[in-house]
Protein backbone atom coordinates (compact mmCIF):
# COMPACT_ATOMS: atom_id res chain seq x y z
CA MET A 1 -9.62 85.48 25.08
CA LYS A 2 -12.79 87.23 26.22
CA CYS A 3 -13.66 90.70 24.95
CA ILE A 4 -13.07 93.38 27.56
CA GLU A 5 -15.97 95.45 26.19
CA CYS A 6 -18.79 92.88 26.05
CA GLY A 7 -17.42 89.60 27.47
CA HIS A 8 -17.92 87.51 24.33
CA ASP A 9 -15.24 85.31 22.74
CA THR A 10 -12.65 86.63 20.30
CA ILE A 11 -11.39 84.92 17.16
CA ASN A 12 -8.12 85.28 15.28
CA LYS A 13 -8.42 87.39 12.13
CA ASN A 14 -6.26 89.69 10.08
CA ARG A 15 -7.16 93.36 10.31
CA THR A 16 -5.99 96.67 8.87
CA TYR A 17 -4.26 99.03 11.32
CA VAL A 18 -4.30 102.77 10.61
CA ALA A 19 -1.87 105.19 12.26
CA ASN A 20 -3.05 108.75 11.67
CA LEU A 21 0.00 110.88 12.52
CA GLU A 22 0.62 114.63 12.23
CA ASN A 23 2.52 114.44 8.95
CA CYS A 24 1.24 111.21 7.42
CA VAL A 25 -1.14 108.27 7.49
CA ILE A 26 0.30 104.77 7.68
CA ILE A 27 -1.97 101.87 6.75
CA ILE A 28 -0.78 98.38 7.66
CA LYS A 29 -2.77 95.56 6.07
CA ASN A 30 -3.05 91.92 7.20
CA VAL A 31 -2.18 92.52 10.86
CA PRO A 32 -2.91 89.47 13.06
CA ALA A 33 -5.52 90.39 15.67
CA MET A 34 -8.08 88.97 18.05
CA VAL A 35 -11.54 90.26 17.11
CA CYS A 36 -14.70 90.00 19.20
CA GLU A 37 -17.36 87.93 17.46
CA HIS A 38 -20.09 90.10 18.98
CA CYS A 39 -18.96 93.75 19.01
CA ASN A 40 -15.93 93.59 16.64
CA GLU A 41 -13.55 95.12 19.21
CA VAL A 42 -9.97 94.51 18.00
CA TYR A 43 -7.06 93.41 20.20
CA TYR A 44 -3.39 92.98 19.27
CA SER A 45 -0.88 90.83 21.12
CA ASP A 46 2.10 92.57 22.71
CA GLU A 47 4.38 91.04 20.08
CA VAL A 48 2.24 92.21 17.17
CA PHE A 49 1.78 95.69 18.61
CA GLY A 50 5.55 95.91 19.13
CA GLN A 51 6.02 95.16 15.42
CA ILE A 52 3.38 97.77 14.52
CA GLU A 53 5.26 100.37 16.59
CA LYS A 54 8.55 99.49 14.83
CA ILE A 55 6.95 99.79 11.39
CA VAL A 56 5.33 103.14 12.23
CA TYR A 57 8.54 104.50 13.78
CA LYS A 58 10.57 103.58 10.67
CA LEU A 59 8.06 105.08 8.24
CA GLU A 60 6.97 108.26 10.01
CA SER A 61 10.30 110.00 9.41
CA VAL A 62 10.41 109.22 5.67
CA ILE A 63 6.74 109.44 4.65
CA ASN A 64 4.98 112.77 4.27
CA ASP A 65 1.63 111.61 2.91
CA ILE A 66 0.14 108.09 2.90
CA ALA A 67 1.88 104.73 3.10
CA VAL A 68 0.14 101.37 2.64
CA ILE A 69 2.15 98.29 3.56
CA ASP A 70 1.53 94.61 4.24
CA TYR A 71 2.33 93.44 7.79
CA THR A 72 3.35 89.96 6.63
CA ASN A 73 6.10 91.45 4.45
CA SER A 74 7.24 94.06 6.98
CA ALA A 75 7.30 92.12 10.25
CA ALA A 76 9.75 89.49 9.06
């Protein structure tokens, strides 16, 4: 995939996703992403972002501070 921002190639890497919500912060580690080799712009596939949304939705109603979880353990 080409980067939308700069046009360079992207590579597959794991990244940390941070959801900063009104009542909490959810940090999801080891999220599969496509990262631009030039400008470091991060892209998530539809499937991965769907899993991120599910994780955030489940946690935002029970967490009132900070949660740090591992994507590989939560997306299964």
